[in-house]
Structures are given as structure tokens and as C-alpha cells.
Amino acid sequence: MNIAKTRVLGLMASIAVVGAVIVACRPSGDAGYVEIKTVPSTLSTHTALYLDTVKLAPIKNGSAILRQPVGTLKLQAGGFAGTMAPLCSIVIAKDRITTVTISVLERPPRCQCRFISHDAATAQACVS
């Protein structure tokens, strides 16, 4: 009987620790998503993309989905000698996906955004 009590107490302690870890690891703050697509699907290796000042990893297969804090971010393309050319500003809304298509065939590259919202205040997803 003593062994059974020890196992039950151990199990309950394990459940409490796992529950505390799950609660502690929840992301804090409001966040949304941005999907970046490139046309054509193979982005030139010479074109680096930045969200604000953070360089993005190369986009594979023409699409990437990123989780970002709510707000407005600036999408930029890297140029020569470390300069960055602004492409557009992207509005990130809570629990929504903003899709940005970048046409790299045009010079300079262009953004086209799509954001589905019934709220007129957040209907504009990006500003070129």
C-alpha cells in the first residue's frame, strides 16, 4: 500500500510539473502571421529580404510563413553595399494571416498584399 501511495504522489507531482511547463511556455503578447510568397518561386540568391532590420532566411519553394508580433513591419530588399530598399509596410493583425506576394521579375521588386478582414480599419494590409 505504501508503494501505491508513493507512485500516485509521484504521478501527481509529474503532472503538476508538466502543466506548469506548458503554461510557462505559452507565447506572450498578441501575434499574427505573415505569409511571404515570391514570383517566380525561386528567389534570386542576390536578393536578401528583411522584416524591419531582421534578415530572413532564404525562402524555399517560393513560400514562407512567419509568426510576428501585432503591428506594422517594413519589408525591405537588400541591395548593394549593405543598403536596403523598402518594398512595403505590412500590417500584422492578431490571429490573422497577411499574405504578401513579391514580384522579383520587376525592378525594383514589388509587393502585393492580401488580408481578409471584415473590419474597415484593418482592411489595408500593406502600403507600398
C-alpha atoms as a PDB file:
ATOM      1  CA  MET A   1       0.000   0.000   0.000  1.00  0.00           C
ATOM      2  CA  ASN A   2       2.900   2.363   0.762  1.00  0.00           C
ATOM      3  CA  ILE A   3       4.357   1.810  -2.729  1.00  0.00           C
ATOM      4  CA  ALA A   4       0.999   2.652  -4.350  1.00  0.00           C
ATOM      5  CA  LYS A   5       0.797   5.951  -2.459  1.00  0.00           C
ATOM      6  CA  THR A   6       4.345   6.830  -3.486  1.00  0.00           C
ATOM      7  CA  ARG A   7       3.571   6.122  -7.151  1.00  0.00           C
ATOM      8  CA  VAL A   8       0.363   8.187  -7.048  1.00  0.00           C
ATOM      9  CA  LEU A   9       2.174  11.121  -5.407  1.00  0.00           C
ATOM     10  CA  GLY A  10       4.977  10.849  -7.959  1.00  0.00           C
ATOM     11  CA  LEU A  11       2.481  10.797 -10.808  1.00  0.00           C
ATOM     12  CA  MET A  12       0.632  13.834  -9.418  1.00  0.00           C
ATOM     13  CA  ALA A  13       3.916  15.724  -8.993  1.00  0.00           C
ATOM     14  CA  SER A  14       4.883  14.898 -12.592  1.00  0.00           C
ATOM     15  CA  ILE A  15       1.526  16.123 -13.873  1.00  0.00           C
ATOM     16  CA  ALA A  16       1.906  19.373 -11.923  1.00  0.00           C
ATOM     17  CA  VAL A  17       5.414  19.974 -13.329  1.00  0.00           C
ATOM     18  CA  VAL A  18       4.333  19.261 -16.910  1.00  0.00           C
ATOM     19  CA  GLY A  19       1.298  21.541 -16.517  1.00  0.00           C
ATOM     20  CA  ALA A  20       3.474  24.354 -15.155  1.00  0.00           C
ATOM     21  CA  VAL A  21       5.920  23.998 -18.065  1.00  0.00           C
ATOM     22  CA  ILE A  22       3.092  24.129 -20.614  1.00  0.00           C
ATOM     23  CA  VAL A  23       1.636  27.284 -19.046  1.00  0.00           C
ATOM     24  CA  ALA A  24       5.066  28.918 -18.786  1.00  0.00           C
ATOM     25  CA  CYS A  25       5.945  28.222 -22.429  1.00  0.00           C
ATOM     26  CA  ARG A  26       2.876  29.855 -23.930  1.00  0.00           C
ATOM     27  CA  PRO A  27       3.813  32.744 -26.165  1.00  0.00           C
ATOM     28  CA  SER A  28       3.075  36.073 -24.543  1.00  0.00           C
ATOM     29  CA  GLY A  29       1.509  39.026 -26.294  1.00  0.00           C
ATOM     30  CA  ASP A  30      -0.599  39.296 -29.387  1.00  0.00           C
ATOM     31  CA  ALA A  31       0.734  37.767 -32.575  1.00  0.00           C
ATOM     32  CA  GLY A  32      -0.288  37.247 -36.162  1.00  0.00           C
ATOM     33  CA  TYR A  33       1.216  35.646 -39.223  1.00  0.00           C
ATOM     34  CA  VAL A  34       2.707  36.851 -42.463  1.00  0.00           C
ATOM     35  CA  GLU A  35       2.998  34.568 -45.487  1.00  0.00           C
ATOM     36  CA  ILE A  36       5.652  35.670 -47.947  1.00  0.00           C
ATOM     37  CA  LYS A  37       5.417  34.337 -51.497  1.00  0.00           C
ATOM     38  CA  THR A  38       7.828  35.054 -54.316  1.00  0.00           C
ATOM     39  CA  VAL A  39       7.059  35.118 -58.028  1.00  0.00           C
ATOM     40  CA  PRO A  40       8.775  33.280 -59.651  1.00  0.00           C
ATOM     41  CA  SER A  41       9.039  30.717 -56.876  1.00  0.00           C
ATOM     42  CA  THR A  42      12.836  30.700 -56.985  1.00  0.00           C
ATOM     43  CA  LEU A  43      14.069  33.954 -55.494  1.00  0.00           C
ATOM     44  CA  SER A  44      17.362  35.218 -56.815  1.00  0.00           C
ATOM     45  CA  THR A  45      20.177  34.409 -54.417  1.00  0.00           C
ATOM     46  CA  HIS A  46      21.305  38.028 -54.700  1.00  0.00           C
ATOM     47  CA  THR A  47      18.089  39.342 -53.154  1.00  0.00           C
ATOM     48  CA  ALA A  48      18.019  39.206 -49.350  1.00  0.00           C
ATOM     49  CA  LEU A  49      14.735  40.065 -47.619  1.00  0.00           C
ATOM     50  CA  TYR A  50      14.419  41.856 -44.292  1.00  0.00           C
ATOM     51  CA  LEU A  51      11.479  42.407 -41.906  1.00  0.00           C
ATOM     52  CA  ASP A  52      12.423  45.697 -40.299  1.00  0.00           C
ATOM     53  CA  THR A  53      16.139  45.027 -39.694  1.00  0.00           C
ATOM     54  CA  VAL A  54      15.981  41.226 -39.275  1.00  0.00           C
ATOM     55  CA  LYS A  55      17.333  39.298 -42.251  1.00  0.00           C
ATOM     56  CA  LEU A  56      15.069  36.438 -43.328  1.00  0.00           C
ATOM     57  CA  ALA A  57      16.374  33.004 -44.212  1.00  0.00           C
ATOM     58  CA  PRO A  58      16.187  32.245 -47.930  1.00  0.00           C
ATOM     59  CA  ILE A  59      12.625  31.419 -48.953  1.00  0.00           C
ATOM     60  CA  LYS A  60      12.348  27.818 -50.107  1.00  0.00           C
ATOM     61  CA  ASN A  61       9.864  26.724 -52.768  1.00  0.00           C
ATOM     62  CA  GLY A  62       8.586  30.286 -53.088  1.00  0.00           C
ATOM     63  CA  SER A  63       6.706  30.469 -49.765  1.00  0.00           C
ATOM     64  CA  ALA A  64       7.354  31.060 -46.063  1.00  0.00           C
ATOM     65  CA  ILE A  65       5.053  31.645 -43.082  1.00  0.00           C
ATOM     66  CA  LEU A  66       6.342  33.675 -40.150  1.00  0.00           C
ATOM     67  CA  ARG A  67       4.812  34.400 -36.739  1.00  0.00           C
ATOM     68  CA  GLN A  68       5.238  38.075 -35.864  1.00  0.00           C
ATOM     69  CA  PRO A  69       4.035  40.452 -33.149  1.00  0.00           C
ATOM     70  CA  VAL A  70       0.994  42.585 -33.939  1.00  0.00           C
ATOM     71  CA  GLY A  71       1.848  45.895 -35.574  1.00  0.00           C
ATOM     72  CA  THR A  72       3.298  47.273 -38.776  1.00  0.00           C
ATOM     73  CA  LEU A  73       6.554  45.868 -40.150  1.00  0.00           C
ATOM     74  CA  LYS A  74       8.647  47.137 -43.023  1.00  0.00           C
ATOM     75  CA  LEU A  75       9.605  44.585 -45.692  1.00  0.00           C
ATOM     76  CA  GLN A  76      12.871  45.501 -47.370  1.00  0.00           C
ATOM     77  CA  ALA A  77      15.157  44.039 -50.013  1.00  0.00           C
ATOM     78  CA  GLY A  78      18.903  44.022 -49.554  1.00  0.00           C
ATOM     79  CA  GLY A  79      20.859  45.905 -52.139  1.00  0.00           C
ATOM     80  CA  PHE A  80      24.464  46.596 -52.984  1.00  0.00           C
ATOM     81  CA  ALA A  81      26.923  47.738 -50.313  1.00  0.00           C
ATOM     82  CA  GLY A  82      24.547  46.846 -47.464  1.00  0.00           C
ATOM     83  CA  THR A  83      21.790  49.270 -48.426  1.00  0.00           C
ATOM     84  CA  MET A  84      18.150  48.245 -48.030  1.00  0.00           C
ATOM     85  CA  ALA A  85      15.376  49.209 -50.414  1.00  0.00           C
ATOM     86  CA  PRO A  86      11.932  49.432 -48.781  1.00  0.00           C
ATOM     87  CA  LEU A  87       9.327  47.323 -50.577  1.00  0.00           C
ATOM     88  CA  CYS A  88       6.227  47.851 -48.424  1.00  0.00           C
ATOM     89  CA  SER A  89       4.888  48.110 -44.893  1.00  0.00           C
ATOM     90  CA  ILE A  90       2.895  45.091 -43.731  1.00  0.00           C
ATOM     91  CA  VAL A  91       0.104  45.236 -41.155  1.00  0.00           C
ATOM     92  CA  ILE A  92       0.178  42.226 -38.799  1.00  0.00           C
ATOM     93  CA  ALA A  93      -3.182  41.648 -37.064  1.00  0.00           C
ATOM     94  CA  LYS A  94      -3.886  39.355 -34.117  1.00  0.00           C
ATOM     95  CA  ASP A  95      -4.590  35.749 -35.139  1.00  0.00           C
ATOM     96  CA  ARG A  96      -4.723  36.616 -38.850  1.00  0.00           C
ATOM     97  CA  ILE A  97      -2.569  35.735 -41.858  1.00  0.00           C
ATOM     98  CA  THR A  98      -1.393  38.531 -44.122  1.00  0.00           C
ATOM     99  CA  THR A  99      -0.195  37.220 -47.495  1.00  0.00           C
ATOM    100  CA  VAL A 100       2.486  39.214 -49.305  1.00  0.00           C
ATOM    101  CA  THR A 101       3.457  38.312 -52.866  1.00  0.00           C
ATOM    102  CA  ILE A 102       6.752  39.734 -54.060  1.00  0.00           C
ATOM    103  CA  SER A 103       7.295  40.017 -57.789  1.00  0.00           C
ATOM    104  CA  VAL A 104      11.043  39.804 -58.299  1.00  0.00           C
ATOM    105  CA  LEU A 105      10.756  39.940 -62.082  1.00  0.00           C
ATOM    106  CA  GLU A 106      10.136  43.664 -61.868  1.00  0.00           C
ATOM    107  CA  ARG A 107      12.834  46.147 -60.959  1.00  0.00           C
ATOM    108  CA  PRO A 108      12.539  47.245 -58.240  1.00  0.00           C
ATOM    109  CA  PRO A 109      10.668  44.269 -56.729  1.00  0.00           C
ATOM    110  CA  ARG A 110       7.008  44.950 -55.877  1.00  0.00           C
ATOM    111  CA  CYS A 111       4.711  43.847 -53.055  1.00  0.00           C
ATOM    112  CA  GLN A 112       1.093  42.827 -53.354  1.00  0.00           C
ATOM    113  CA  CYS A 113      -0.725  42.089 -50.100  1.00  0.00           C
ATOM    114  CA  ARG A 114      -3.900  40.200 -49.309  1.00  0.00           C
ATOM    115  CA  PHE A 115      -5.569  40.318 -45.920  1.00  0.00           C
ATOM    116  CA  ILE A 116      -9.066  39.057 -45.280  1.00  0.00           C
ATOM    117  CA  SER A 117     -10.887  41.226 -42.754  1.00  0.00           C
ATOM    118  CA  HIS A 118     -14.410  42.437 -42.184  1.00  0.00           C
ATOM    119  CA  ASP A 119     -13.108  45.422 -40.236  1.00  0.00           C
ATOM    120  CA  ALA A 120     -12.656  48.501 -42.440  1.00  0.00           C
ATOM    121  CA  ALA A 121      -9.934  49.868 -40.137  1.00  0.00           C
ATOM    122  CA  THR A 122      -7.670  46.870 -40.820  1.00  0.00           C
ATOM    123  CA  ALA A 123      -8.633  46.292 -44.440  1.00  0.00           C
ATOM    124  CA  GLN A 124      -5.388  47.804 -45.745  1.00  0.00           C
ATOM    125  CA  ALA A 125      -2.744  45.114 -45.314  1.00  0.00           C
ATOM    126  CA  CYS A 126       0.252  46.867 -46.776  1.00  0.00           C
ATOM    127  CA  VAL A 127       1.392  50.189 -48.067  1.00  0.00           C
ATOM    128  CA  SER A 128       3.818  50.250 -50.977  1.00  0.00           C
END
